[in-house]
């Protein structure tokens, strides 16, 4: 609970600073910002609350998915080997991966 206030304040600062850049994107947060622009019913604090929920929900689902993948790979060494072979083939000996 002690982390909620600093996280909310960080998100609010980030959102306020990036609002113009984010507004024209095709994201859930951008849709909330545009709704805020045309309605006095949706406050900046409401948007921050939604962002916190999306962030927390995304972290939990990603963690659960990754745990399930690892569990299945450990239980099926033949599949694990196929995954390892593909990673080796695609990425080779790269130590750092870059994402575009």
N, C-alpha and C. Protein backbone atom coordinates (compact mmCIF):
# COMPACT_ATOMS: atom_id res chain seq x y z
N UNK A 1 0.82 -1.19 0.00
CA UNK A 1 0.00 0.00 0.00
C UNK A 1 0.86 1.26 0.00
N UNK A 2 2.02 1.21 0.64
CA UNK A 2 2.86 2.41 0.72
C UNK A 2 3.43 2.79 -0.64
N UNK A 3 3.38 1.88 -1.61
CA UNK A 3 3.91 2.17 -2.94
C UNK A 3 2.87 2.77 -3.88
N UNK A 4 1.61 2.71 -3.50
CA UNK A 4 0.55 3.18 -4.39
C UNK A 4 0.67 4.67 -4.66
N UNK A 5 0.86 5.47 -3.65
CA UNK A 5 0.91 6.92 -3.83
C UNK A 5 2.10 7.33 -4.71
N UNK A 6 3.33 6.85 -4.45
CA UNK A 6 4.43 7.23 -5.34
C UNK A 6 4.22 6.76 -6.78
N UNK A 7 3.64 5.59 -6.97
CA UNK A 7 3.38 5.09 -8.32
C UNK A 7 2.35 5.97 -9.01
N UNK A 8 1.28 6.30 -8.31
CA UNK A 8 0.26 7.18 -8.89
C UNK A 8 0.85 8.54 -9.25
N UNK A 9 1.67 9.09 -8.38
CA UNK A 9 2.27 10.40 -8.66
C UNK A 9 3.22 10.33 -9.86
N UNK A 10 3.99 9.26 -9.96
CA UNK A 10 4.89 9.08 -11.11
C UNK A 10 4.07 8.99 -12.41
N UNK A 11 3.01 8.20 -12.39
CA UNK A 11 2.18 8.04 -13.59
C UNK A 11 1.53 9.38 -13.95
N UNK A 12 1.07 10.10 -12.97
CA UNK A 12 0.43 11.39 -13.23
C UNK A 12 1.42 12.38 -13.85
N UNK A 13 2.65 12.43 -13.31
CA UNK A 13 3.67 13.32 -13.89
C UNK A 13 4.01 12.91 -15.31
N UNK A 14 4.17 11.59 -15.53
CA UNK A 14 4.51 11.08 -16.86
C UNK A 14 3.39 11.36 -17.84
N UNK A 15 2.17 11.09 -17.43
CA UNK A 15 1.01 11.31 -18.29
C UNK A 15 0.88 12.79 -18.65
N UNK A 16 1.01 13.64 -17.68
CA UNK A 16 0.89 15.08 -17.92
C UNK A 16 1.98 15.56 -18.88
N UNK A 17 3.20 15.09 -18.69
CA UNK A 17 4.31 15.51 -19.53
C UNK A 17 4.18 14.98 -20.96
N UNK A 18 3.62 13.79 -21.12
CA UNK A 18 3.54 13.15 -22.44
C UNK A 18 2.16 13.21 -23.08
N UNK A 19 1.25 13.98 -22.50
CA UNK A 19 -0.13 13.95 -22.96
C UNK A 19 -0.26 14.29 -24.45
N UNK A 20 0.44 15.28 -24.93
CA UNK A 20 0.33 15.66 -26.34
C UNK A 20 0.83 14.53 -27.25
N UNK A 21 1.94 13.91 -26.87
CA UNK A 21 2.51 12.83 -27.68
C UNK A 21 1.61 11.61 -27.68
N UNK A 22 1.01 11.31 -26.54
CA UNK A 22 0.20 10.10 -26.38
C UNK A 22 -1.19 10.27 -27.00
N UNK A 23 -1.73 11.49 -26.97
CA UNK A 23 -3.11 11.76 -27.37
C UNK A 23 -3.46 11.20 -28.75
N UNK A 24 -2.56 11.24 -29.70
CA UNK A 24 -2.87 10.84 -31.06
C UNK A 24 -2.52 9.39 -31.38
N UNK A 25 -2.13 8.64 -30.39
CA UNK A 25 -1.83 7.22 -30.59
C UNK A 25 -3.13 6.41 -30.58
N UNK A 26 -3.02 5.17 -30.97
CA UNK A 26 -4.18 4.28 -30.94
C UNK A 26 -4.02 3.30 -29.77
N UNK A 27 -4.07 3.84 -28.56
CA UNK A 27 -3.92 3.03 -27.36
C UNK A 27 -5.10 3.30 -26.42
N UNK A 28 -5.24 2.45 -25.45
CA UNK A 28 -6.32 2.65 -24.47
C UNK A 28 -6.13 3.95 -23.72
N UNK A 29 -4.90 4.24 -23.32
CA UNK A 29 -4.64 5.48 -22.58
C UNK A 29 -4.96 6.69 -23.46
N UNK A 30 -4.62 6.63 -24.75
CA UNK A 30 -4.92 7.74 -25.66
C UNK A 30 -6.43 7.95 -25.78
N UNK A 31 -7.18 6.85 -25.84
CA UNK A 31 -8.64 6.97 -25.89
C UNK A 31 -9.18 7.63 -24.61
N UNK A 32 -8.60 7.27 -23.48
CA UNK A 32 -9.02 7.89 -22.22
C UNK A 32 -8.69 9.38 -22.21
N UNK A 33 -7.52 9.75 -22.73
CA UNK A 33 -7.14 11.17 -22.79
C UNK A 33 -8.10 11.93 -23.69
N UNK A 34 -8.43 11.36 -24.84
CA UNK A 34 -9.38 12.04 -25.74
C UNK A 34 -10.76 12.15 -25.10
N UNK A 35 -11.18 11.15 -24.35
CA UNK A 35 -12.46 11.22 -23.63
C UNK A 35 -12.39 12.32 -22.58
N UNK A 36 -11.26 12.45 -21.93
CA UNK A 36 -11.05 13.51 -20.94
C UNK A 36 -11.16 14.89 -21.60
N UNK A 37 -10.67 14.99 -22.85
CA UNK A 37 -10.70 16.26 -23.57
C UNK A 37 -12.12 16.75 -23.83
N UNK A 38 -13.05 15.84 -24.02
CA UNK A 38 -14.41 16.25 -24.41
C UNK A 38 -15.43 16.10 -23.28
N UNK A 39 -14.98 15.66 -22.12
CA UNK A 39 -15.93 15.44 -21.03
C UNK A 39 -15.34 15.92 -19.71
N UNK A 40 -16.19 16.52 -18.91
CA UNK A 40 -15.72 16.89 -17.57
C UNK A 40 -16.01 15.78 -16.56
N UNK A 41 -16.55 14.67 -17.04
CA UNK A 41 -16.84 13.53 -16.19
C UNK A 41 -15.59 12.69 -15.89
N UNK A 42 -14.64 12.68 -16.81
CA UNK A 42 -13.43 11.86 -16.67
C UNK A 42 -12.26 12.76 -16.28
N UNK A 43 -11.80 12.62 -15.06
CA UNK A 43 -10.73 13.47 -14.56
C UNK A 43 -9.36 12.85 -14.87
N UNK A 44 -8.33 13.64 -14.70
CA UNK A 44 -6.97 13.14 -14.86
C UNK A 44 -6.69 12.04 -13.84
N UNK A 45 -7.22 12.20 -12.63
CA UNK A 45 -7.06 11.15 -11.61
C UNK A 45 -7.74 9.85 -12.03
N UNK A 46 -8.87 9.94 -12.71
CA UNK A 46 -9.54 8.74 -13.23
C UNK A 46 -8.65 8.02 -14.24
N UNK A 47 -8.03 8.79 -15.11
CA UNK A 47 -7.13 8.20 -16.12
C UNK A 47 -5.95 7.53 -15.44
N UNK A 48 -5.39 8.18 -14.44
CA UNK A 48 -4.27 7.60 -13.69
C UNK A 48 -4.71 6.29 -13.03
N UNK A 49 -5.88 6.28 -12.44
CA UNK A 49 -6.38 5.05 -11.81
C UNK A 49 -6.50 3.92 -12.83
N UNK A 50 -7.03 4.23 -14.01
CA UNK A 50 -7.15 3.21 -15.05
C UNK A 50 -5.78 2.71 -15.49
N UNK A 51 -4.84 3.62 -15.63
CA UNK A 51 -3.48 3.26 -16.05
C UNK A 51 -2.85 2.32 -15.02
N UNK A 52 -3.03 2.61 -13.75
CA UNK A 52 -2.49 1.74 -12.69
C UNK A 52 -3.10 0.34 -12.81
N UNK A 53 -4.40 0.27 -13.06
CA UNK A 53 -5.07 -1.03 -13.20
C UNK A 53 -4.52 -1.78 -14.42
N UNK A 54 -4.40 -1.10 -15.56
CA UNK A 54 -3.87 -1.74 -16.77
C UNK A 54 -2.45 -2.24 -16.54
N UNK A 55 -1.64 -1.43 -15.90
CA UNK A 55 -0.25 -1.79 -15.64
C UNK A 55 -0.17 -3.02 -14.74
N UNK A 56 -0.92 -3.00 -13.64
CA UNK A 56 -0.88 -4.13 -12.71
C UNK A 56 -1.45 -5.39 -13.36
N UNK A 57 -2.54 -5.25 -14.09
CA UNK A 57 -3.14 -6.41 -14.74
C UNK A 57 -2.21 -6.98 -15.79
N UNK A 58 -1.55 -6.12 -16.54
CA UNK A 58 -0.61 -6.58 -17.55
C UNK A 58 0.57 -7.31 -16.95
N UNK A 59 1.07 -6.82 -15.83
CA UNK A 59 2.20 -7.49 -15.18
C UNK A 59 1.79 -8.87 -14.70
N UNK A 60 0.62 -8.98 -14.12
CA UNK A 60 0.17 -10.26 -13.57
C UNK A 60 -0.06 -11.28 -14.68
N UNK A 61 -0.70 -10.87 -15.76
CA UNK A 61 -0.97 -11.82 -16.83
C UNK A 61 0.32 -12.25 -17.53
N UNK A 62 1.25 -11.32 -17.68
CA UNK A 62 2.53 -11.66 -18.30
C UNK A 62 3.30 -12.63 -17.41
N UNK A 63 3.33 -12.36 -16.11
CA UNK A 63 4.04 -13.25 -15.19
C UNK A 63 3.41 -14.64 -15.18
N UNK A 64 2.09 -14.70 -15.18
CA UNK A 64 1.41 -15.99 -15.18
C UNK A 64 1.69 -16.76 -16.47
N UNK A 65 1.64 -16.06 -17.59
CA UNK A 65 1.93 -16.70 -18.88
C UNK A 65 3.35 -17.23 -18.93
N UNK A 66 4.30 -16.43 -18.50
CA UNK A 66 5.70 -16.86 -18.52
C UNK A 66 5.92 -18.05 -17.59
N UNK A 67 5.28 -18.05 -16.43
CA UNK A 67 5.42 -19.18 -15.51
C UNK A 67 4.86 -20.45 -16.15
N UNK A 68 3.73 -20.32 -16.84
CA UNK A 68 3.15 -21.47 -17.52
C UNK A 68 4.05 -21.99 -18.64
N UNK A 69 4.63 -21.08 -19.40
CA UNK A 69 5.54 -21.49 -20.49
C UNK A 69 6.74 -22.22 -19.92
N UNK A 70 7.35 -21.68 -18.89
CA UNK A 70 8.52 -22.33 -18.29
C UNK A 70 8.15 -23.70 -17.74
N UNK A 71 7.02 -23.79 -17.07
CA UNK A 71 6.58 -25.07 -16.51
C UNK A 71 6.42 -26.12 -17.62
N UNK A 72 5.77 -25.73 -18.72
CA UNK A 72 5.57 -26.67 -19.82
C UNK A 72 6.89 -27.06 -20.49
N UNK A 73 7.78 -26.09 -20.64
CA UNK A 73 9.08 -26.41 -21.25
C UNK A 73 9.88 -27.38 -20.38
N UNK A 74 9.82 -27.21 -19.08
CA UNK A 74 10.53 -28.11 -18.17
C UNK A 74 9.92 -29.52 -18.24
N UNK A 75 8.62 -29.58 -18.37
CA UNK A 75 7.94 -30.88 -18.43
C UNK A 75 8.10 -31.59 -19.77
N UNK A 76 8.48 -30.85 -20.80
CA UNK A 76 8.61 -31.41 -22.16
C UNK A 76 9.97 -31.03 -22.75
N UNK A 77 11.02 -31.75 -22.37
CA UNK A 77 12.37 -31.42 -22.82
C UNK A 77 12.53 -31.41 -24.35
N UNK A 78 11.76 -32.22 -25.06
CA UNK A 78 11.85 -32.22 -26.52
C UNK A 78 11.38 -30.88 -27.10
N UNK A 79 10.32 -30.33 -26.53
CA UNK A 79 9.83 -29.02 -26.97
C UNK A 79 10.82 -27.94 -26.56
N UNK A 80 11.34 -28.04 -25.35
CA UNK A 80 12.36 -27.09 -24.89
C UNK A 80 13.52 -27.05 -25.87
N UNK A 81 13.98 -28.21 -26.32
CA UNK A 81 15.11 -28.27 -27.24
C UNK A 81 14.78 -27.59 -28.57
N UNK A 82 13.55 -27.77 -29.05
CA UNK A 82 13.13 -27.10 -30.28
C UNK A 82 13.15 -25.58 -30.12
N UNK A 83 12.66 -25.12 -28.97
CA UNK A 83 12.67 -23.68 -28.69
C UNK A 83 14.11 -23.17 -28.62
N UNK A 84 14.96 -23.90 -27.92
CA UNK A 84 16.36 -23.50 -27.79
C UNK A 84 17.05 -23.45 -29.15
N UNK A 85 16.78 -24.45 -29.99
CA UNK A 85 17.37 -24.48 -31.33
C UNK A 85 16.92 -23.28 -32.16
N UNK A 86 15.64 -22.91 -32.06
CA UNK A 86 15.15 -21.76 -32.82
C UNK A 86 15.75 -20.46 -32.32
N UNK A 87 15.84 -20.31 -31.01
CA UNK A 87 16.46 -19.10 -30.45
C UNK A 87 17.91 -19.00 -30.90
N UNK A 88 18.63 -20.11 -30.85
CA UNK A 88 20.03 -20.11 -31.30
C UNK A 88 20.13 -19.76 -32.79
N UNK A 89 19.21 -20.29 -33.59
CA UNK A 89 19.24 -20.04 -35.02
C UNK A 89 18.93 -18.57 -35.33
N UNK A 90 17.95 -18.01 -34.64
CA UNK A 90 17.52 -16.64 -34.92
C UNK A 90 18.48 -15.61 -34.34
N UNK A 91 18.92 -15.82 -33.12
CA UNK A 91 19.74 -14.82 -32.44
C UNK A 91 21.22 -15.14 -32.41
N UNK A 92 21.58 -16.36 -32.71
CA UNK A 92 23.00 -16.72 -32.75
C UNK A 92 23.69 -16.46 -31.44
N UNK A 93 24.84 -15.82 -31.52
CA UNK A 93 25.62 -15.57 -30.31
C UNK A 93 25.50 -14.13 -29.82
N UNK A 94 24.43 -13.45 -30.22
CA UNK A 94 24.21 -12.07 -29.75
C UNK A 94 24.05 -12.06 -28.24
N UNK A 95 24.72 -11.13 -27.61
CA UNK A 95 24.57 -11.00 -26.16
C UNK A 95 23.45 -10.02 -25.81
N UNK A 96 23.26 -9.02 -26.65
CA UNK A 96 22.22 -8.02 -26.41
C UNK A 96 21.20 -8.10 -27.53
N UNK A 97 19.94 -8.11 -27.15
CA UNK A 97 18.86 -8.12 -28.13
C UNK A 97 18.29 -6.73 -28.25
N UNK A 98 17.99 -6.32 -29.47
CA UNK A 98 17.38 -5.01 -29.71
C UNK A 98 15.99 -5.22 -30.24
N UNK A 99 15.05 -4.42 -29.72
CA UNK A 99 13.67 -4.51 -30.14
C UNK A 99 13.28 -3.21 -30.81
N UNK A 100 12.69 -3.30 -31.97
CA UNK A 100 12.24 -2.09 -32.67
C UNK A 100 10.83 -1.74 -32.30
